Amino acid sequence: MNKKRWIGLLLAAMLLVATACSGGGGGAGNAGGESGGQGEAQSNGLSSGGATKVVFWHAMGGANTKVVDQMVANFNASQDKIRVEAIFQGTYDDLLSKLKTAMGTKEAPHIVQVYEIGSRFMIDSKLITPMQTFIDADNYDLTQLEPNIIGYYTFEGQLYSMPFNTSNPILYYNKDLFQAAGLDPEKPPRTYEELQQAADTITKSCKATGANFAIYGWFMEQFFANQGADYVNNGNGREALATESLVNSEAGVKTLTWWKNMIDSKAMINLGRKTDDSKKAFSAGQVAMILDSTAALKGLVDNAEGKFEVGTGFLPKPADASGGGVIVGGASLWMMNDRPEAEQKAAWEFVKFVTSPQEQAYWHINTGYFPITKKAYDEQSVKDNMAKFPQFQTAVDQLHQTELSTATQGAVMGVFPEARQLVEGAIEEVLNNQKSPQDALDGAAKEITSKIQQYNKTVQ
C-alpha cells in the first residue's frame, strides 16, 4: 500500500470513533495480555508450547467477556495444535482506535471483531483477507449459515467477514397494560398507524405512557429497511461506493413525521438517546412499548418477572409499505492479512469452531444474540431456552421473513458512525420543535453526503 493511501485510511479511520450499535461494555481491557511474552509469541507465530498462536481482539464486555473466554477455552481444549488468546479491547470504538494504530505491525491481532458499520473501512484498508478465501479453499458450506445474516457481510459475491454477534430490533410491549387499556395483549401493532392508535389508547387509560423510542440512529436505519428503502445511493453502497445520503427521502420524512406526531399527542414520551433509559422506563411499567435489540430480551423478561408479562412484536412499518424487513446489527470477525498463511489458516480453524452448532447454541443462550448457524436451533439446549423465552420466536420469525435486498442487507459507507450521530441530531431537532422533519433530514443528508465524499477521496 502506498504512503498516500495509508495516510488517507488513517484519517478515514478517525471518522469512525463514534457511537456504535450494540457496542461492547465498558471497563478496562486485558492490558496484561498485550505485553510481556505476547510480542515474541506473535513474531514467530508459536505459543510457549509449540502450538500456533492466534490472537483474537474483541469488544464483548461485561458478562459476555466470560462467554467469549469460555468459547476460546473450548477450542483450545479441543486440539493441541493451535492456541487462541482472546483479548478484550474495550468498546467497539476503543477497539477500532487500537486497531488502526496496530495495523501493519506485529502488535496487530490475527482476528478482530469489528462492528457492522465499520465494514467499509475494513475492506478499504486492504489489510484483511476475505473469509471467502478460506471458504473456497476449504469447500466450507455456506448454506449452513443464516442467509439474512451473512447477507450483510457479503460484498460483490464474497463473504468478507464471518458474522459473530448478531441481533435485530423488535417491539417490546407490556401485555398487562395492553389488557388494562382494552387492547388485545396477543396482537401487537404491526404498522405505524396501529402503533400510534395503541399508544394513544394506553396513554388515555392513565395507566402509563403509550410508548418510547430511544433517539438511536440504528432505529431509523431499520425503519428505512422495513420500507424497502435504501439509506445511501448506489444500491446502498453495495453496487459502488456510496456518494450521497438518502436519509431525507420519503421513507425518512414519513417515519420522523409519525414519530413527532406521537410525541405531540402525548402518546409517546421522549427520554433522549440512551436505550438504557428506555429499558428502565419499560421495566418500571412507565411506558407500554419500546424498541430494542433482540439481545436485550432476556434482561427485559427477567426484570419484568413478577410484575408484568413481556410481549414481542415485529418492527412496525407504514400500512402502505410492502416487502422490506430488518437489518442485522452487531459485529463480525475479520482476518488480518499481515500474518503468515499458516497462522491465518489456524485462525480460520477457530472461526469454523465458533460457528459450529454446539458453540452457536452456547453463544445464543448465554448472550441473547442469534445463532448464525441453522442447526443450532436443533440443539436441545436451544429448544429448552426457547421454551423458557418464547418471546424470542418473534425475532427468529422476523429474521426469516425478511426479504434480502440492498435495503435489508444494510447501507455501507466509510463514515457510518458519524452519519448515525447526525441522524440522531436531526431527530432531536424535530422532537424539540426546532425544525420540520424535511428540513432536519435535509440538513443531515447534506452533512452526511459531504463526509462520505471526503472519505471517498482518501480511498480512491
Protein backbone atom coordinates (compact mmCIF):
# COMPACT_ATOMS: atom_id res chain seq x y z
CA MET A 1 0.00 0.00 0.00
CA ASN A 2 1.46 3.42 -0.93
CA LYS A 3 2.06 6.04 1.73
CA LYS A 4 -0.64 8.39 0.46
CA ARG A 5 -3.32 5.71 0.57
CA TRP A 6 -2.31 4.57 4.07
CA ILE A 7 -2.36 8.14 5.44
CA GLY A 8 -5.77 8.57 3.85
CA LEU A 9 -7.10 5.46 5.51
CA LEU A 10 -5.77 6.52 8.89
CA LEU A 11 -7.61 9.82 8.50
CA ALA A 12 -10.74 7.94 7.46
CA ALA A 13 -10.46 5.65 10.44
CA MET A 14 -10.55 8.64 12.74
CA LEU A 15 -14.03 9.37 11.45
CA LEU A 16 -15.20 6.05 12.84
CA VAL A 17 -14.78 6.96 16.53
CA ALA A 18 -18.45 7.40 17.47
CA THR A 19 -21.50 5.66 18.94
CA ALA A 20 -21.98 2.08 17.69
CA CYS A 21 -24.87 -0.36 17.53
CA SER A 22 -24.81 -2.95 20.30
CA GLY A 23 -21.28 -1.96 21.38
CA GLY A 24 -19.25 -3.93 23.87
CA GLY A 25 -19.41 -2.98 27.51
CA GLY A 26 -17.02 -0.60 29.19
CA GLY A 27 -14.27 -1.39 31.63
CA ALA A 28 -10.54 -1.90 31.40
CA GLY A 29 -9.13 -4.08 28.65
CA ASN A 30 -6.87 -7.05 29.31
CA ALA A 31 -3.76 -4.91 29.43
CA GLY A 32 -1.67 -7.72 30.84
CA GLY A 33 -2.33 -9.85 27.79
CA GLU A 34 -0.94 -7.17 25.48
CA SER A 35 2.54 -7.03 26.94
CA GLY A 36 5.23 -9.36 28.21
CA GLY A 37 5.56 -12.52 26.12
CA GLN A 38 2.88 -11.71 23.58
CA GLY A 39 5.14 -9.78 21.21
CA GLU A 40 7.63 -12.65 20.93
CA ALA A 41 4.89 -15.23 20.52
CA GLN A 42 3.28 -13.24 17.74
CA SER A 43 6.56 -12.62 15.95
CA ASN A 44 7.16 -16.32 15.37
CA GLY A 45 3.55 -17.49 15.47
CA LEU A 46 4.23 -20.02 18.23
CA SER A 47 2.94 -20.30 21.76
CA SER A 48 5.26 -21.41 24.53
CA GLY A 49 4.07 -24.99 23.99
CA GLY A 50 4.92 -25.05 20.28
CA ALA A 51 1.35 -24.68 19.06
CA THR A 52 0.48 -21.97 16.54
CA LYS A 53 -0.71 -18.91 18.41
CA VAL A 54 -3.72 -16.90 17.28
CA VAL A 55 -4.54 -13.55 18.88
CA PHE A 56 -8.19 -12.54 18.87
CA TRP A 57 -9.28 -8.99 19.73
CA HIS A 58 -12.89 -8.47 20.75
CA ALA A 59 -15.25 -5.88 22.25
CA MET A 60 -17.57 -8.11 24.25
CA GLY A 61 -17.62 -6.57 27.71
CA GLY A 62 -19.39 -7.44 30.94
CA ALA A 63 -20.85 -10.92 31.22
CA ASN A 64 -20.18 -11.51 27.52
CA THR A 65 -16.42 -11.46 28.15
CA LYS A 66 -16.79 -14.69 30.13
CA VAL A 67 -18.77 -16.27 27.31
CA VAL A 68 -16.07 -15.42 24.77
CA ASP A 69 -13.37 -16.72 27.11
CA GLN A 70 -15.26 -20.00 27.52
CA MET A 71 -15.60 -20.47 23.76
CA VAL A 72 -11.86 -19.88 23.38
CA ALA A 73 -11.17 -22.36 26.18
CA ASN A 74 -13.44 -24.90 24.47
CA PHE A 75 -11.47 -24.53 21.24
CA ASN A 76 -8.08 -24.75 22.91
CA ALA A 77 -9.18 -27.90 24.75
CA SER A 78 -10.48 -29.50 21.54
CA GLN A 79 -7.00 -29.83 19.98
CA ASP A 80 -3.32 -29.15 20.72
CA LYS A 81 -2.01 -27.58 17.51
CA ILE A 82 -3.48 -24.08 17.89
CA ARG A 83 -3.76 -21.82 20.92
CA VAL A 84 -6.11 -18.84 20.73
CA GLU A 85 -5.69 -15.92 23.08
CA ALA A 86 -8.72 -13.62 23.42
CA ILE A 87 -8.05 -10.01 24.43
CA PHE A 88 -10.86 -7.65 25.38
CA GLN A 89 -10.12 -4.21 23.94
CA GLY A 90 -12.96 -2.11 25.35
CA THR A 91 -15.88 -0.77 23.33
CA TYR A 92 -16.16 -1.15 19.58
CA ASP A 93 -14.78 2.36 19.19
CA ASP A 94 -11.89 1.68 21.59
CA LEU A 95 -11.03 -1.47 19.70
CA LEU A 96 -11.07 0.22 16.30
CA SER A 97 -8.87 3.03 17.58
CA LYS A 98 -6.31 0.49 18.82
CA LEU A 99 -6.57 -1.48 15.59
CA LYS A 100 -5.83 1.48 13.34
CA THR A 101 -2.66 2.09 15.38
CA ALA A 102 -1.59 -1.56 15.26
CA MET A 103 -2.46 -2.28 11.62
CA GLY A 104 0.58 -3.41 9.68
CA THR A 105 2.65 -4.07 12.82
CA LYS A 106 3.45 -7.18 14.85
CA GLU A 107 1.13 -5.89 17.56
CA ALA A 108 -1.94 -6.42 15.40
CA PRO A 109 -4.22 -9.41 16.05
CA HIS A 110 -4.85 -12.31 13.71
CA ILE A 111 -8.64 -11.99 14.06
CA VAL A 112 -10.55 -8.92 15.12
CA GLN A 113 -14.20 -8.30 15.93
CA VAL A 114 -15.47 -5.11 14.24
CA TYR A 115 -18.96 -3.64 14.45
CA GLU A 116 -21.05 -3.89 11.32
CA ILE A 117 -20.81 -0.21 10.46
CA GLY A 118 -17.01 -0.49 10.28
CA SER A 119 -17.20 -2.90 7.34
CA ARG A 120 -16.46 -0.35 4.62
CA PHE A 121 -13.31 0.80 6.40
CA MET A 122 -12.07 -2.75 6.90
CA ILE A 123 -12.47 -3.52 3.20
CA ASP A 124 -10.85 -0.26 2.13
CA SER A 125 -7.86 -0.88 4.42
CA LYS A 126 -6.64 -3.66 2.10
CA LEU A 127 -5.21 -5.28 5.23
CA ILE A 128 -7.71 -8.12 5.53
CA THR A 129 -8.09 -11.50 3.88
CA PRO A 130 -11.73 -12.07 2.91
CA MET A 131 -13.24 -15.08 4.66
CA GLN A 132 -14.35 -16.20 1.22
CA THR A 133 -10.71 -17.13 0.54
CA PHE A 134 -10.80 -19.78 3.27
CA ILE A 135 -14.37 -20.79 2.48
CA ASP A 136 -13.42 -21.59 -1.12
CA ALA A 137 -10.18 -23.36 -0.21
CA ASP A 138 -11.91 -25.49 2.43
CA ASN A 139 -15.15 -26.12 0.48
CA TYR A 140 -16.94 -24.73 3.54
CA ASP A 141 -20.70 -25.00 3.13
CA LEU A 142 -22.17 -21.51 3.47
CA THR A 143 -25.70 -22.86 3.22
CA GLN A 144 -25.42 -23.97 6.84
CA LEU A 145 -25.44 -20.30 7.87
CA GLU A 146 -28.43 -17.94 8.06
CA PRO A 147 -28.66 -16.21 4.64
CA ASN A 148 -30.09 -12.99 6.04
CA ILE A 149 -27.17 -12.74 8.44
CA ILE A 150 -24.32 -13.43 6.03
CA GLY A 151 -26.05 -11.14 3.54
CA TYR A 152 -24.88 -8.07 5.43
CA TYR A 153 -21.22 -9.05 5.25
CA THR A 154 -21.32 -10.16 1.60
CA PHE A 155 -19.91 -7.71 -0.94
CA GLU A 156 -19.53 -8.36 -4.66
CA GLY A 157 -20.38 -12.02 -4.09
CA GLN A 158 -17.74 -12.54 -1.39
CA LEU A 159 -18.25 -13.05 2.33
CA TYR A 160 -15.64 -10.66 3.70
CA SER A 161 -16.06 -11.41 7.39
CA MET A 162 -17.74 -14.06 9.49
CA PRO A 163 -20.79 -12.91 11.48
CA PHE A 164 -20.25 -13.28 15.21
CA ASN A 165 -22.73 -11.43 17.42
CA THR A 166 -25.95 -10.71 15.55
CA SER A 167 -29.18 -9.03 16.57
CA ASN A 168 -32.09 -7.09 15.12
CA PRO A 169 -34.66 -4.72 16.63
CA ILE A 170 -38.08 -5.84 17.82
CA LEU A 171 -41.04 -4.22 19.55
CA TYR A 172 -41.33 -4.97 23.26
CA TYR A 173 -44.70 -4.38 24.88
CA ASN A 174 -46.35 -4.75 28.28
CA LYS A 175 -49.20 -7.25 27.89
CA ASP A 176 -50.77 -6.25 31.19
CA LEU A 177 -51.01 -2.60 30.15
CA PHE A 178 -52.49 -3.63 26.82
CA GLN A 179 -55.19 -5.64 28.56
CA ALA A 180 -55.91 -2.87 31.09
CA ALA A 181 -56.44 -0.44 28.21
CA GLY A 182 -58.84 -2.80 26.44
CA LEU A 183 -56.33 -3.88 23.77
CA ASP A 184 -55.71 -7.48 22.74
CA PRO A 185 -52.48 -8.48 24.53
CA GLU A 186 -51.82 -11.18 21.93
CA LYS A 187 -51.91 -8.78 18.97
CA PRO A 188 -49.03 -6.31 19.00
CA PRO A 189 -49.27 -3.44 16.47
CA ARG A 190 -47.66 -4.20 13.11
CA THR A 191 -47.96 -0.81 11.38
CA TYR A 192 -47.15 2.81 12.18
CA GLU A 193 -50.86 3.53 12.30
CA GLU A 194 -51.67 0.64 14.64
CA LEU A 195 -48.84 1.51 16.99
CA GLN A 196 -49.92 5.15 17.18
CA GLN A 197 -53.50 4.13 17.94
CA ALA A 198 -52.44 1.63 20.61
CA ALA A 199 -50.06 4.14 22.23
CA ASP A 200 -52.78 6.78 22.28
CA THR A 201 -55.28 4.36 23.85
CA ILE A 202 -52.84 3.35 26.59
CA THR A 203 -51.90 6.94 27.39
CA LYS A 204 -55.58 7.90 27.68
CA SER A 205 -56.13 4.97 30.07
CA CYS A 206 -53.88 6.88 32.52
CA LYS A 207 -52.06 3.64 33.40
CA ALA A 208 -48.82 4.56 31.60
CA THR A 209 -47.45 6.43 28.59
CA GLY A 210 -48.04 4.54 25.38
CA ALA A 211 -44.50 4.30 24.03
CA ASN A 212 -40.92 5.50 23.95
CA PHE A 213 -38.28 5.14 21.24
CA ALA A 214 -34.72 5.98 22.18
CA ILE A 215 -33.23 8.51 19.76
CA TYR A 216 -30.97 5.96 18.15
CA GLY A 217 -29.85 6.17 14.53
CA TRP A 218 -29.95 2.38 14.23
CA PHE A 219 -33.73 2.52 14.59
CA MET A 220 -34.03 4.99 11.69
CA GLU A 221 -31.84 2.72 9.55
CA GLN A 222 -34.17 -0.16 10.40
CA PHE A 223 -37.30 1.83 9.57
CA PHE A 224 -35.83 2.52 6.11
CA ALA A 225 -35.07 -1.17 5.52
CA ASN A 226 -38.55 -2.17 6.69
CA GLN A 227 -39.95 0.02 3.92
CA GLY A 228 -37.55 -1.48 1.37
CA ALA A 229 -35.78 1.88 1.09
CA ASP A 230 -32.03 2.38 0.66
CA TYR A 231 -30.21 4.65 3.10
CA VAL A 232 -27.49 5.77 0.65
CA ASN A 233 -27.24 5.71 -3.14
CA ASN A 234 -25.53 3.20 -5.43
CA GLY A 235 -27.53 0.25 -4.15
CA ASN A 236 -26.98 1.21 -0.51
CA GLY A 237 -23.26 1.48 -1.26
CA ARG A 238 -23.09 -2.14 -2.39
CA GLU A 239 -23.02 -1.65 -6.17
CA ALA A 240 -20.40 1.09 -5.95
CA LEU A 241 -19.06 3.41 -3.27
CA ALA A 242 -21.92 5.44 -1.84
CA THR A 243 -21.68 9.13 -2.74
CA GLU A 244 -24.93 10.51 -1.38
CA SER A 245 -27.12 10.11 1.72
CA LEU A 246 -30.83 9.37 1.20
CA VAL A 247 -31.97 9.99 4.78
CA ASN A 248 -34.17 12.86 3.58
CA SER A 249 -36.19 10.64 1.24
CA GLU A 250 -39.89 9.85 1.68
CA ALA A 251 -39.14 6.90 3.98
CA GLY A 252 -37.29 9.12 6.42
CA VAL A 253 -39.73 12.03 6.37
CA LYS A 254 -42.72 9.71 6.82
CA THR A 255 -41.06 7.98 9.78
CA LEU A 256 -39.98 11.15 11.55
CA THR A 257 -43.38 12.79 10.99
CA TRP A 258 -45.08 9.77 12.59
CA TRP A 259 -42.63 9.82 15.49
CA LYS A 260 -43.18 13.56 16.08
CA ASN A 261 -46.97 13.23 15.91
CA MET A 262 -46.90 10.68 18.72
CA ILE A 263 -44.78 12.98 20.87
CA ASP A 264 -47.15 15.89 20.21
CA SER A 265 -50.25 13.84 21.10
CA LYS A 266 -48.63 12.59 24.34
CA ALA A 267 -48.93 9.01 23.07
CA MET A 268 -45.15 8.81 23.32
CA ILE A 269 -42.56 10.29 25.66
CA ASN A 270 -39.06 11.44 24.69
CA LEU A 271 -36.35 10.12 27.04
CA GLY A 272 -33.35 11.02 24.89
CA ARG A 273 -30.70 8.92 23.20
CA LYS A 274 -29.88 6.25 25.78
CA THR A 275 -31.53 2.87 25.18
CA ASP A 276 -30.83 2.07 28.84
CA ASP A 277 -33.22 4.86 29.88
CA SER A 278 -35.85 3.43 27.56
CA LYS A 279 -35.44 -0.05 29.04
CA LYS A 280 -35.61 1.27 32.60
CA ALA A 281 -38.90 3.07 31.88
CA PHE A 282 -40.32 -0.08 30.31
CA SER A 283 -39.23 -2.33 33.17
CA ALA A 284 -40.75 0.10 35.67
CA GLY A 285 -44.11 -0.05 33.87
CA GLN A 286 -43.93 3.64 32.95
CA VAL A 287 -44.17 3.06 29.19
CA ALA A 288 -46.02 0.26 27.43
CA MET A 289 -43.93 -0.13 24.26
CA ILE A 290 -40.27 0.32 23.35
CA LEU A 291 -37.91 -0.72 20.58
CA ASP A 292 -34.70 -2.54 21.40
CA SER A 293 -32.29 -5.19 20.20
CA THR A 294 -33.17 -8.87 20.38
CA ALA A 295 -30.07 -9.17 22.58
CA ALA A 296 -31.97 -7.24 25.29
CA LEU A 297 -34.78 -9.82 25.51
CA LYS A 298 -33.54 -11.96 28.39
CA GLY A 299 -32.81 -8.96 30.58
CA LEU A 300 -36.17 -7.33 29.91
CA VAL A 301 -38.10 -10.55 30.60
CA ASP A 302 -36.12 -11.19 33.78
CA ASN A 303 -36.66 -7.62 35.01
CA ALA A 304 -40.41 -7.87 34.42
CA GLU A 305 -40.81 -11.20 36.23
CA GLY A 306 -43.48 -10.97 38.89
CA LYS A 307 -44.58 -7.52 37.66
CA PHE A 308 -45.97 -7.97 34.14
CA GLU A 309 -45.73 -10.17 31.06
CA VAL A 310 -43.48 -9.05 28.23
CA GLY A 311 -44.76 -9.42 24.69
CA THR A 312 -42.74 -9.05 21.49
CA GLY A 313 -43.70 -7.96 18.01
CA PHE A 314 -42.16 -7.19 14.65
CA LEU A 315 -40.66 -3.78 13.94
CA PRO A 316 -43.61 -1.67 12.70
CA LYS A 317 -43.82 -0.26 9.18
CA PRO A 318 -46.25 2.08 7.36
CA ALA A 319 -49.51 0.37 6.38
CA ASP A 320 -48.81 1.00 2.69
CA ALA A 321 -45.25 -0.38 2.78
CA SER A 322 -44.62 -3.72 1.08
CA GLY A 323 -41.62 -6.03 1.28
CA GLY A 324 -38.63 -4.98 3.30
CA GLY A 325 -37.51 -6.33 6.64
CA VAL A 326 -34.81 -5.75 9.22
CA ILE A 327 -31.04 -5.34 9.02
CA VAL A 328 -28.80 -7.40 11.27
CA GLY A 329 -26.75 -5.48 13.80
CA GLY A 330 -23.78 -6.45 15.90
CA ALA A 331 -20.32 -7.35 14.67
CA SER A 332 -18.28 -9.86 12.70
CA LEU A 333 -14.81 -11.44 12.66
CA TRP A 334 -12.18 -10.14 10.24
CA MET A 335 -8.95 -11.89 9.27
CA MET A 336 -5.87 -9.66 9.09
CA ASN A 337 -3.66 -10.41 6.08
CA ASP A 338 -0.28 -9.46 7.54
CA ARG A 339 0.29 -12.86 9.16
CA PRO A 340 1.85 -15.94 7.52
CA GLU A 341 -0.56 -18.17 5.64
CA ALA A 342 -0.19 -20.95 8.21
CA GLU A 343 -1.26 -18.64 11.02
CA GLN A 344 -4.24 -17.38 9.02
CA LYS A 345 -5.28 -20.97 8.39
CA ALA A 346 -5.00 -21.67 12.10
CA ALA A 347 -7.20 -18.66 12.80
CA TRP A 348 -9.70 -19.98 10.26
CA GLU A 349 -9.96 -23.23 12.25
CA PHE A 350 -11.05 -21.15 15.25
CA VAL A 351 -13.60 -19.25 13.14
CA LYS A 352 -15.09 -22.55 11.98
CA PHE A 353 -15.21 -23.80 15.55
CA VAL A 354 -17.18 -20.83 16.91
CA THR A 355 -19.72 -21.18 14.09
CA SER A 356 -20.42 -24.83 14.89
CA PRO A 357 -23.96 -25.66 16.08
CA GLN A 358 -22.82 -26.53 19.61
CA GLU A 359 -20.83 -23.32 20.11
CA GLN A 360 -23.53 -21.19 18.50
CA ALA A 361 -26.10 -22.74 20.83
CA TYR A 362 -23.91 -21.85 23.81
CA TRP A 363 -23.36 -18.33 22.46
CA HIS A 364 -27.07 -17.73 21.84
CA ILE A 365 -28.28 -18.98 25.22
CA ASN A 366 -25.72 -17.02 27.21
CA THR A 367 -25.76 -13.72 25.28
CA GLY A 368 -29.16 -13.46 23.59
CA TYR A 369 -27.60 -12.97 20.15
CA PHE A 370 -28.87 -15.01 17.21
CA PRO A 371 -27.23 -18.30 16.32
CA ILE A 372 -25.74 -17.74 12.87
CA THR A 373 -25.80 -21.48 12.17
CA LYS A 374 -29.18 -23.01 11.30
CA LYS A 375 -28.54 -26.34 13.01
CA ALA A 376 -28.01 -24.61 16.35
CA TYR A 377 -31.81 -24.49 16.63
CA ASP A 378 -31.80 -28.30 16.68
CA GLU A 379 -29.68 -28.37 19.83
CA GLN A 380 -31.74 -29.39 22.86
CA SER A 381 -30.30 -26.52 24.89
CA VAL A 382 -31.68 -24.02 22.37
CA LYS A 383 -35.06 -25.72 22.33
CA ASP A 384 -35.18 -25.57 26.13
CA ASN A 385 -34.17 -21.90 26.09
CA MET A 386 -36.84 -21.10 23.51
CA ALA A 387 -39.43 -22.75 25.74
CA LYS A 388 -38.25 -20.57 28.63
CA PHE A 389 -38.20 -17.40 26.50
CA PRO A 390 -40.86 -17.95 23.81
CA GLN A 391 -40.70 -14.22 23.01
CA PHE A 392 -37.50 -14.90 21.07
CA GLN A 393 -39.51 -16.74 18.40
CA THR A 394 -40.67 -13.32 17.24
CA ALA A 395 -37.08 -12.36 16.49
CA VAL A 396 -36.43 -15.63 14.63
CA ASP A 397 -39.60 -15.24 12.56
CA GLN A 398 -38.79 -11.62 11.75
CA LEU A 399 -35.30 -12.58 10.59
CA HIS A 400 -36.58 -15.42 8.43
CA GLN A 401 -39.39 -13.36 6.90
CA THR A 402 -37.05 -10.55 5.91
CA GLU A 403 -36.64 -10.29 2.15
CA LEU A 404 -32.96 -9.97 1.27
CA SER A 405 -32.33 -6.83 -0.81
CA THR A 406 -29.90 -3.93 -0.86
CA ALA A 407 -32.20 -2.25 1.69
CA THR A 408 -32.19 -5.15 4.17
CA GLN A 409 -28.52 -6.00 3.59
CA GLY A 410 -27.85 -2.59 5.10
CA ALA A 411 -26.07 0.54 3.96
CA VAL A 412 -22.29 0.63 3.57
CA MET A 413 -20.26 3.81 3.93
CA GLY A 414 -16.94 4.72 5.43
CA VAL A 415 -18.37 7.35 7.79
CA PHE A 416 -21.31 5.40 9.18
CA PRO A 417 -20.82 6.20 12.88
CA GLU A 418 -20.74 9.93 12.13
CA ALA A 419 -23.77 9.56 9.88
CA ARG A 420 -25.62 7.85 12.70
CA GLN A 421 -24.90 10.72 15.07
CA LEU A 422 -26.03 13.29 12.52
CA VAL A 423 -29.34 11.49 12.09
CA GLU A 424 -29.78 11.38 15.84
CA GLY A 425 -29.21 15.12 15.92
CA ALA A 426 -31.86 15.61 13.24
CA ILE A 427 -34.38 13.54 15.21
CA GLU A 428 -33.70 15.67 18.28
CA GLU A 429 -34.24 18.87 16.29
CA VAL A 430 -37.65 17.64 15.19
CA LEU A 431 -38.79 16.31 18.57
CA ASN A 432 -37.66 19.56 20.22
CA ASN A 433 -39.67 21.67 17.74
CA GLN A 434 -36.57 23.23 16.20
CA LYS A 435 -37.07 22.02 12.62
CA SER A 436 -39.60 20.21 10.47
CA PRO A 437 -38.87 16.58 9.58
CA GLN A 438 -37.99 17.53 6.00
CA ASP A 439 -35.69 20.41 6.98
CA ALA A 440 -33.90 18.42 9.68
CA LEU A 441 -33.29 15.44 7.42
CA ASP A 442 -32.26 17.69 4.52
CA GLY A 443 -29.58 19.15 6.78
CA ALA A 444 -28.40 15.75 7.95
CA ALA A 445 -28.31 14.40 4.39
CA LYS A 446 -26.20 17.34 3.22
CA GLU A 447 -23.64 16.87 6.00
CA ILE A 448 -23.50 13.09 5.61
CA THR A 449 -23.05 13.41 1.84
CA SER A 450 -20.16 15.83 2.37
CA LYS A 451 -18.46 13.45 4.81
CA ILE A 452 -18.98 10.46 2.50
CA GLN A 453 -17.35 12.31 -0.38
CA GLN A 454 -14.46 13.43 1.84
CA TYR A 455 -13.92 9.81 2.91
CA ASN A 456 -14.08 8.52 -0.66
CA LYS A 457 -11.23 10.83 -1.68
CA THR A 458 -8.97 9.07 0.83
CA VAL A 459 -9.56 5.61 -0.63
CA GLN A 460 -9.75 6.25 -4.38
